Amino acid sequence: MKLTHAGERGVRMVEVGEKRDVRRIARARGAIRLRRETVELVRTGKIEKGNVLTTAQIAAVQAVKKTPDIIPLCHPLLITGVDVDFSFDDDEIAAEVEVRSMGKTGVEMEAITGVAAALLTIWDMVKAVEKDERGQYPETEIREIRVLEKRKG
């Protein structure tokens, strides 16, 4: 495999030292498509592994705080707050994460990392009831992870 570079400089972390601290907020959302029966098991708290949404909420908050450890060139930030909410449809669960900070750079990467971790945790918690007789996941799908809003000031 041949590595190619966009420029001679390679990679670098963006310098933000001269920027002033500003209140920053980002919201992101994504969804996981599941069997209808699985969604109902999550909704009624009957998944054998435990409370799916509480576990996914904790995973999202932890991922937000660990984003610079996961994404190499993200700046470590002072996170001042994280909200994680879930909504249900017949065959999906949506996760929405809002991240707040006072700092020199935005928190959209933290928000989408939180959403991804929440959805991956849901998948892990429900995989026993989602897989088919061959051990595959024909209906399970994480989709539409996106930044809904980014604000500063």
Protein backbone atom coordinates (compact mmCIF):
# COMPACT_ATOMS: atom_id res chain seq x y z
CA MET A 1 0.00 0.00 0.00
CA LYS A 2 1.36 3.39 -0.99
CA LEU A 3 0.80 6.36 1.31
CA THR A 4 0.18 9.69 -0.33
CA HIS A 5 0.33 13.11 1.27
CA ALA A 6 -1.72 16.16 0.46
CA GLY A 7 1.31 18.37 0.99
CA GLU A 8 4.89 18.38 2.16
CA ARG A 9 3.90 19.45 5.67
CA GLY A 10 2.10 16.24 6.59
CA VAL A 11 -0.33 16.50 9.49
CA ARG A 12 -0.47 19.11 12.21
CA MET A 13 -2.72 20.23 14.98
CA VAL A 14 -4.22 23.64 14.22
CA GLU A 15 -2.83 26.44 16.40
CA VAL A 16 -5.62 27.97 18.50
CA GLY A 17 -3.50 29.64 21.20
CA GLU A 18 -4.25 33.18 20.02
CA LYS A 19 -8.01 32.66 19.94
CA ARG A 20 -10.08 33.80 22.90
CA ASP A 21 -12.26 31.46 24.93
CA VAL A 22 -15.87 31.51 23.75
CA ARG A 23 -18.92 29.51 24.80
CA ARG A 24 -19.44 26.76 22.23
CA ILE A 25 -22.32 24.36 21.67
CA ALA A 26 -22.82 21.56 19.17
CA ARG A 27 -25.69 19.12 18.69
CA ALA A 28 -25.46 15.90 16.69
CA ARG A 29 -27.88 13.10 15.92
CA GLY A 30 -27.85 9.60 14.52
CA ALA A 31 -30.03 6.51 14.54
CA ILE A 32 -29.83 2.75 14.72
CA ARG A 33 -32.34 0.68 12.78
CA LEU A 34 -33.45 -2.45 14.62
CA ARG A 35 -36.15 -5.08 14.43
CA ARG A 36 -39.46 -3.78 15.78
CA GLU A 37 -39.38 -6.46 18.47
CA THR A 38 -35.96 -5.28 19.61
CA VAL A 39 -37.09 -1.65 19.85
CA GLU A 40 -40.00 -2.78 22.03
CA LEU A 41 -37.65 -4.78 24.28
CA VAL A 42 -35.47 -1.71 24.74
CA ARG A 43 -38.51 0.52 25.35
CA THR A 44 -39.85 -1.83 28.04
CA GLY A 45 -36.48 -2.52 29.67
CA LYS A 46 -36.40 -6.22 28.83
CA ILE A 47 -32.94 -6.57 27.28
CA GLU A 48 -30.98 -9.22 29.19
CA LYS A 49 -27.72 -7.21 29.33
CA GLY A 50 -29.42 -4.44 31.31
CA ASN A 51 -30.61 -0.88 30.84
CA VAL A 52 -29.71 -0.11 27.24
CA LEU A 53 -30.36 3.62 27.24
CA THR A 54 -28.60 4.35 30.53
CA THR A 55 -25.56 2.40 29.35
CA ALA A 56 -25.62 4.20 25.98
CA GLN A 57 -25.94 7.55 27.74
CA ILE A 58 -22.86 6.85 29.87
CA ALA A 59 -20.96 5.67 26.78
CA ALA A 60 -21.83 8.90 24.96
CA VAL A 61 -20.61 11.11 27.80
CA GLN A 62 -17.42 9.09 28.15
CA ALA A 63 -16.78 9.28 24.40
CA VAL A 64 -17.29 13.05 24.39
CA LYS A 65 -14.64 13.40 27.09
CA LYS A 66 -12.26 11.01 25.29
CA THR A 67 -12.62 12.43 21.76
CA PRO A 68 -9.02 13.75 21.61
CA ASP A 69 -7.82 10.24 22.49
CA ILE A 70 -9.82 8.75 19.60
CA ILE A 71 -9.38 11.40 16.88
CA PRO A 72 -5.67 12.24 16.67
CA LEU A 73 -5.71 15.96 15.85
CA CYS A 74 -8.62 17.07 18.06
CA HIS A 75 -7.71 19.50 20.82
CA PRO A 76 -8.38 18.51 24.43
CA LEU A 77 -11.25 20.71 25.61
CA LEU A 78 -12.87 21.76 28.84
CA ILE A 79 -16.30 20.21 28.43
CA THR A 80 -18.81 22.06 30.61
CA GLY A 81 -21.87 19.93 29.87
CA VAL A 82 -23.27 17.03 27.88
CA ASP A 83 -26.90 16.09 27.31
CA VAL A 84 -27.88 12.78 25.72
CA ASP A 85 -31.45 12.13 24.61
CA PHE A 86 -33.10 9.21 22.85
CA SER A 87 -36.26 8.95 20.78
CA PHE A 88 -38.08 5.93 19.38
CA ASP A 89 -39.70 5.08 16.09
CA ASP A 90 -41.18 1.68 15.24
CA ASP A 91 -37.92 0.29 13.91
CA GLU A 92 -35.23 2.66 15.17
CA ILE A 93 -33.78 4.46 18.14
CA ALA A 94 -32.29 7.91 17.59
CA ALA A 95 -29.60 9.42 19.80
CA GLU A 96 -29.03 13.16 20.10
CA VAL A 97 -26.03 14.60 21.92
CA GLU A 98 -25.45 18.23 22.86
CA VAL A 99 -21.99 19.26 24.03
CA ARG A 100 -21.13 22.56 25.70
CA SER A 101 -17.70 24.04 26.28
CA MET A 102 -15.89 27.26 27.02
CA GLY A 103 -12.89 27.24 24.76
CA LYS A 104 -10.97 28.12 21.65
CA THR A 105 -12.38 25.54 19.26
CA GLY A 106 -15.72 23.93 18.45
CA VAL A 107 -17.22 20.79 19.95
CA GLU A 108 -18.87 19.22 16.90
CA MET A 109 -16.39 16.32 16.81
CA GLU A 110 -17.19 15.60 20.45
CA ALA A 111 -20.93 15.63 19.70
CA ILE A 112 -20.73 13.22 16.76
CA THR A 113 -18.31 10.97 18.67
CA GLY A 114 -20.83 10.86 21.50
CA VAL A 115 -23.63 9.90 19.11
CA ALA A 116 -21.50 7.17 17.51
CA ALA A 117 -20.59 5.70 20.91
CA ALA A 118 -24.23 5.74 22.05
CA LEU A 119 -25.38 3.92 18.91
CA LEU A 120 -22.54 1.39 19.04
CA THR A 121 -23.41 0.68 22.67
CA ILE A 122 -27.05 0.11 21.78
CA TRP A 123 -25.93 -2.35 19.09
CA ASP A 124 -23.72 -4.17 21.59
CA MET A 125 -26.51 -4.35 24.17
CA VAL A 126 -29.11 -5.75 21.73
CA LYS A 127 -26.98 -7.93 19.46
CA ALA A 128 -28.18 -11.18 21.05
CA VAL A 129 -31.76 -10.50 19.93
CA GLU A 130 -30.85 -8.78 16.64
CA LYS A 131 -28.78 -11.52 15.04
CA ASP A 132 -30.41 -14.10 12.82
CA GLU A 133 -29.97 -17.89 12.86
CA ARG A 134 -26.66 -17.52 10.96
CA GLY A 135 -25.30 -15.00 13.49
CA GLN A 136 -25.67 -12.07 11.07
CA TYR A 137 -27.36 -8.68 11.50
CA PRO A 138 -29.47 -8.25 8.35
CA GLU A 139 -31.67 -5.46 9.73
CA THR A 140 -29.31 -3.66 12.09
CA GLU A 141 -27.85 -0.44 10.73
CA ILE A 142 -26.32 2.70 12.17
CA ARG A 143 -27.15 5.65 9.95
CA GLU A 144 -27.39 9.37 9.46
CA ILE A 145 -24.86 10.57 12.02
CA ARG A 146 -24.63 14.30 11.45
CA VAL A 147 -24.10 17.65 13.13
CA LEU A 148 -27.44 19.39 13.58
CA GLU A 149 -26.14 22.65 14.95
CA LYS A 150 -22.94 24.40 15.90
CA ARG A 151 -22.93 27.72 17.82
CA LYS A 152 -20.40 29.98 19.39
CA GLY A 153 -20.54 33.19 21.35
